Protein backbone atom coordinates (compact mmCIF):
# COMPACT_ATOMS: atom_id res chain seq x y z
CA MET A 1 11.27 -16.51 5.34
CA PHE A 2 13.16 -14.07 3.11
CA LYS A 3 16.41 -13.72 5.02
CA ASP A 4 17.60 -10.83 2.85
CA LEU A 5 14.86 -8.69 4.41
CA ILE A 6 16.23 -9.00 7.94
CA GLY A 7 17.19 -5.56 9.25
CA LYS A 8 15.47 -3.64 6.45
CA VAL A 9 13.37 -0.63 7.45
CA ALA A 10 9.90 -0.21 5.94
CA LEU A 11 7.23 2.46 6.13
CA ILE A 12 3.71 1.16 5.55
CA THR A 13 0.99 3.77 5.19
CA GLY A 14 -2.50 3.00 6.43
CA ALA A 15 -1.22 0.10 8.53
CA SER A 16 -3.83 0.29 11.29
CA ARG A 17 -6.11 -2.31 9.70
CA GLY A 18 -6.91 -4.44 6.67
CA ILE A 19 -4.32 -4.94 3.98
CA GLY A 20 -1.90 -2.48 5.57
CA ARG A 21 -1.92 -4.31 8.88
CA SER A 22 -1.35 -7.66 7.17
CA ILE A 23 1.57 -6.22 5.22
CA ALA A 24 3.15 -4.83 8.39
CA GLU A 25 2.76 -8.13 10.23
CA GLU A 26 4.06 -10.25 7.33
CA MET A 27 7.07 -8.02 6.80
CA ALA A 28 7.86 -8.09 10.51
CA LYS A 29 7.79 -11.91 10.42
CA ASN A 30 10.56 -11.65 7.83
CA GLY A 31 12.74 -9.46 10.03
CA VAL A 32 11.77 -6.06 8.63
CA GLU A 33 11.67 -3.15 11.09
CA ILE A 34 8.31 -1.44 10.64
CA ILE A 35 6.97 2.10 10.82
CA ILE A 36 3.20 1.84 11.20
CA ASN A 37 1.59 4.95 9.72
CA TYR A 38 -1.99 5.91 10.49
CA LYS A 39 -4.14 9.02 10.27
CA THR A 40 -7.11 8.54 12.65
CA ASP A 41 -7.32 4.93 13.84
CA GLU A 42 -4.92 5.05 16.78
CA SER A 43 -6.48 2.00 18.41
CA GLY A 44 -5.99 -0.06 15.26
CA ALA A 45 -2.40 1.14 14.86
CA MET A 46 -1.61 0.15 18.44
CA ASP A 47 -3.14 -3.28 17.83
CA THR A 48 -0.81 -3.71 14.86
CA LEU A 49 2.12 -2.61 17.00
CA ARG A 50 1.28 -5.04 19.80
CA THR A 51 0.91 -7.94 17.39
CA ILE A 52 4.34 -7.27 15.89
CA ARG A 53 6.10 -6.75 19.21
CA ASP A 54 4.43 -9.79 20.78
CA THR A 55 6.02 -11.95 18.08
CA GLY A 56 9.46 -10.41 18.62
CA GLY A 57 9.32 -7.86 15.82
CA ILE A 58 10.55 -4.29 15.83
CA ALA A 59 8.04 -1.52 15.10
CA GLU A 60 7.10 2.07 15.81
CA VAL A 61 3.85 3.96 15.29
CA TYR A 62 3.67 7.36 13.62
CA LYS A 63 0.51 9.41 13.12
CA CYS A 64 0.61 11.40 9.89
CA ASP A 65 -1.79 12.77 7.32
CA ILE A 66 -0.01 11.70 4.14
CA THR A 67 -1.88 14.28 2.08
CA SER A 68 0.27 16.97 3.75
CA TYR A 69 3.79 17.17 2.30
CA ASN A 70 5.12 18.96 5.38
CA ASP A 71 3.69 16.30 7.70
CA VAL A 72 5.20 13.56 5.56
CA LYS A 73 8.54 15.36 5.64
CA LYS A 74 8.44 15.29 9.46
CA MET A 75 7.56 11.60 9.41
CA PHE A 76 10.58 10.76 7.28
CA GLN A 77 12.82 12.81 9.54
CA PHE A 78 11.52 10.72 12.45
CA ILE A 79 12.31 7.54 10.51
CA ILE A 80 15.87 8.65 9.71
CA ASP A 81 16.48 9.84 13.27
CA LYS A 82 15.12 6.58 14.73
CA PHE A 83 16.30 3.97 12.24
CA GLY A 84 19.01 5.73 10.25
CA LYS A 85 17.61 4.73 6.86
CA ILE A 86 14.55 3.80 4.82
CA ASP A 87 14.76 0.68 2.64
CA LEU A 88 11.15 0.01 1.73
CA LEU A 89 8.01 2.06 1.22
CA VAL A 90 4.55 0.52 0.90
CA ASN A 91 1.99 3.09 -0.22
CA ASN A 92 -1.16 1.39 1.03
CA ALA A 93 -3.37 4.13 2.52
CA GLY A 94 -6.38 5.13 0.49
CA ILE A 95 -10.15 5.61 0.41
CA SER A 96 -13.00 4.87 -1.96
CA LYS A 97 -16.25 6.67 -2.70
CA ILE A 98 -19.09 4.70 -4.25
CA GLY A 99 -21.77 6.55 -6.18
CA LEU A 100 -22.73 7.97 -9.54
CA PHE A 101 -20.16 10.30 -11.09
CA MET A 102 -22.86 12.93 -11.64
CA ASP A 103 -23.34 13.09 -7.86
CA MET A 104 -19.63 13.64 -7.14
CA GLY A 105 -18.43 17.17 -6.49
CA GLU A 106 -15.11 18.95 -6.15
CA GLU A 107 -14.84 17.99 -2.49
CA ASP A 108 -15.21 14.31 -3.37
CA TYR A 109 -12.58 14.67 -6.08
CA ASN A 110 -10.12 16.35 -3.73
CA GLU A 111 -10.67 13.81 -0.98
CA VAL A 112 -10.14 10.75 -3.18
CA MET A 113 -7.27 12.11 -5.27
CA ASP A 114 -5.47 13.54 -2.23
CA SER A 115 -5.67 10.31 -0.28
CA ASP A 116 -5.13 7.84 -3.12
CA PHE A 117 -2.60 9.67 -5.28
CA ARG A 118 -1.22 12.81 -3.62
CA GLY A 119 -0.31 10.68 -0.59
CA VAL A 120 1.59 8.29 -2.86
CA PHE A 121 3.44 11.21 -4.42
CA ASN A 122 4.30 12.78 -1.06
CA CYS A 123 5.66 9.63 0.54
CA THR A 124 7.50 8.50 -2.56
CA SER A 125 9.06 11.91 -3.08
CA LEU A 126 10.60 11.82 0.40
CA ALA A 127 11.54 8.13 0.28
CA VAL A 128 13.36 8.47 -3.03
CA LYS A 129 15.47 11.30 -1.64
CA TYR A 130 16.94 8.97 0.98
CA MET A 131 17.04 5.87 -1.24
CA LEU A 132 19.05 7.65 -3.92
CA GLU A 133 21.76 8.46 -1.38
CA ARG A 134 22.31 4.71 -0.89
CA LYS A 135 21.48 3.56 -4.45
CA THR A 136 19.05 0.95 -3.15
CA GLY A 137 15.41 0.64 -2.15
CA GLY A 138 12.01 -0.73 -2.97
CA ILE A 139 8.65 0.99 -3.42
CA ILE A 140 5.41 -0.99 -3.61
CA ASN A 141 2.12 0.75 -4.33
CA ILE A 142 -1.21 -0.84 -3.48
CA SER A 143 -3.50 -0.11 -6.41
CA SER A 144 -6.72 -1.89 -7.41
CA ILE A 145 -8.13 -3.89 -10.29
CA TRP A 146 -10.34 -0.85 -10.92
CA GLY A 147 -7.19 1.11 -11.67
CA ASN A 148 -6.58 -1.40 -14.45
CA VAL A 149 -10.01 -1.45 -16.06
CA GLY A 150 -12.26 1.09 -14.30
CA ALA A 151 -15.41 0.49 -12.29
CA SER A 152 -18.89 1.91 -12.70
CA CYS A 153 -19.88 3.99 -9.65
CA GLU A 154 -16.23 4.22 -8.55
CA VAL A 155 -14.98 6.61 -11.21
CA LEU A 156 -12.83 8.81 -8.96
CA TYR A 157 -11.30 5.79 -7.20
CA SER A 158 -10.59 4.14 -10.56
CA ALA A 159 -8.98 7.32 -11.87
CA ALA A 160 -6.77 7.69 -8.80
CA LYS A 161 -5.64 4.08 -8.94
CA GLY A 162 -5.06 4.38 -12.69
CA ALA A 163 -2.75 7.29 -11.89
CA VAL A 164 -0.93 5.09 -9.36
CA ASN A 165 -0.42 2.44 -12.03
CA SER A 166 1.08 4.89 -14.55
CA PHE A 167 3.16 6.51 -11.81
CA THR A 168 4.54 3.08 -10.90
CA LYS A 169 5.48 2.15 -14.46
CA ALA A 170 7.14 5.48 -15.23
CA LEU A 171 9.01 5.88 -11.94
CA GLY A 172 10.24 2.30 -12.01
CA LYS A 173 11.95 2.98 -15.33
CA GLU A 174 13.42 6.25 -14.09
CA LEU A 175 14.86 4.79 -10.88
CA ALA A 176 16.02 1.41 -12.19
CA PRO A 177 19.56 2.65 -12.99
CA SER A 178 19.84 3.81 -9.36
CA GLY A 179 19.06 0.39 -7.91
CA ILE A 180 15.55 1.29 -6.76
CA ARG A 181 12.66 -0.93 -7.81
CA VAL A 182 9.06 0.34 -8.07
CA ASN A 183 6.10 -2.00 -8.44
CA ALA A 184 2.38 -2.08 -7.69
CA ILE A 185 -0.17 -4.67 -6.72
CA SER A 186 -3.75 -4.48 -7.97
CA PRO A 187 -5.91 -6.48 -5.55
CA GLY A 188 -9.30 -7.76 -6.52
CA VAL A 189 -12.12 -8.04 -3.98
CA ILE A 190 -10.42 -8.56 -0.63
CA ASP A 191 -12.20 -9.48 2.60
CA THR A 192 -11.66 -6.27 4.56
CA LYS A 193 -13.83 -3.86 6.55
CA MET A 194 -14.10 -1.73 3.41
CA ASN A 195 -16.06 -4.54 1.78
CA GLN A 196 -18.28 -5.36 4.76
CA CYS A 197 -20.84 -2.93 3.36
CA PHE A 198 -22.11 -5.68 1.06
CA SER A 199 -25.26 -7.57 1.95
CA LYS A 200 -25.15 -11.38 1.92
CA GLU A 201 -26.85 -11.39 -1.49
CA GLU A 202 -24.40 -8.84 -2.90
CA ARG A 203 -21.46 -10.79 -1.53
CA ASN A 204 -22.74 -14.04 -3.05
CA SER A 205 -23.22 -12.29 -6.38
CA LEU A 206 -19.67 -10.91 -6.30
CA GLU A 207 -18.20 -14.27 -5.37
CA SER A 208 -19.97 -15.85 -8.34
CA GLU A 209 -18.05 -13.48 -10.63
CA ILE A 210 -14.69 -14.61 -9.24
CA PRO A 211 -13.33 -17.83 -10.79
CA MET A 212 -11.88 -18.88 -7.41
CA CYS A 213 -15.39 -18.35 -5.94
CA ARG A 214 -14.26 -16.35 -2.91
CA PHE A 215 -12.95 -13.00 -1.74
CA GLY A 216 -9.20 -12.72 -1.33
CA GLU A 217 -7.63 -12.63 2.13
CA THR A 218 -5.35 -9.82 3.30
CA PRO A 219 -2.37 -12.16 3.95
CA GLU A 220 -2.48 -13.15 0.27
CA ILE A 221 -1.76 -9.54 -0.68
CA ALA A 222 0.79 -9.17 2.11
CA LYS A 223 2.80 -12.18 0.96
CA THR A 224 2.94 -10.78 -2.57
CA VAL A 225 4.26 -7.49 -1.16
CA VAL A 226 6.96 -9.31 0.80
CA PHE A 227 8.02 -11.23 -2.29
CA LEU A 228 8.31 -8.01 -4.31
CA ALA A 229 10.34 -6.43 -1.51
CA SER A 230 12.78 -9.34 -1.41
CA GLU A 231 15.76 -10.13 -3.60
CA GLN A 232 13.73 -12.99 -5.08
CA ALA A 233 12.12 -10.23 -7.17
CA SER A 234 15.39 -8.48 -7.99
CA TYR A 235 14.63 -8.25 -11.75
CA ILE A 236 11.04 -7.08 -11.36
CA THR A 237 10.30 -3.37 -11.65
CA SER A 238 7.72 -1.07 -13.27
CA GLN A 239 5.13 -3.85 -12.97
CA VAL A 240 1.50 -3.81 -11.85
CA ILE A 241 0.72 -7.29 -10.56
CA THR A 242 -2.94 -8.26 -10.37
CA VAL A 243 -4.01 -10.49 -7.46
CA ASP A 244 -7.73 -11.08 -7.97
CA GLY A 245 -8.53 -14.79 -8.05
CA GLY A 246 -8.89 -14.63 -11.84
CA MET A 247 -11.72 -12.06 -11.74
CA LEU A 248 -10.37 -10.03 -14.67
């Protein structure tokens, strides 16, 4: 347990399932007070809330479309009114579209870039405002290995996550003198609902490309997030940390 995290307040976007839920639960285990953000999956968000509260953690749920700056502004006002501060932001929410680039249109572009990058900008913009007042804070962006190297048939997703990586590196340098650290994690293939679209044959083929011969588990990403949020990572900023079982 990272005792320095006790009493910290964290917003985790897209925390109704998958990686986001694991991050919320792992942070709560370390004494962090959690704001569970979701857009549509109310049932999943409430499941996350129950799990945290059943283990003695402190959490609240807030529905917000992070692609809307005004909605995000209201969410942060709720956080400040309820908790009095914001210490940590985990930009996790995002979507992917699989298909040939030539079949992608403007609507696809807007949907992916709004969710995967505009949402990061919106939440970070508001978080930084409050963090600068206290000269402390941590921002962790959930990227993807495809943001590092690109993926065929996921061009828009790769581009959005590449933007997140550059955003992380640049902002981390800018905010370092103010005591705010900014990092990202680039997960490999993680065993989430998003990847349940694969057939057994496709899954076996993917696993054969991973040196550790398996998909990653969401708690493995969550524990990396908690480490980066803690004082154990006090000299780490502007970094994109790949967690992919050696795939790349």
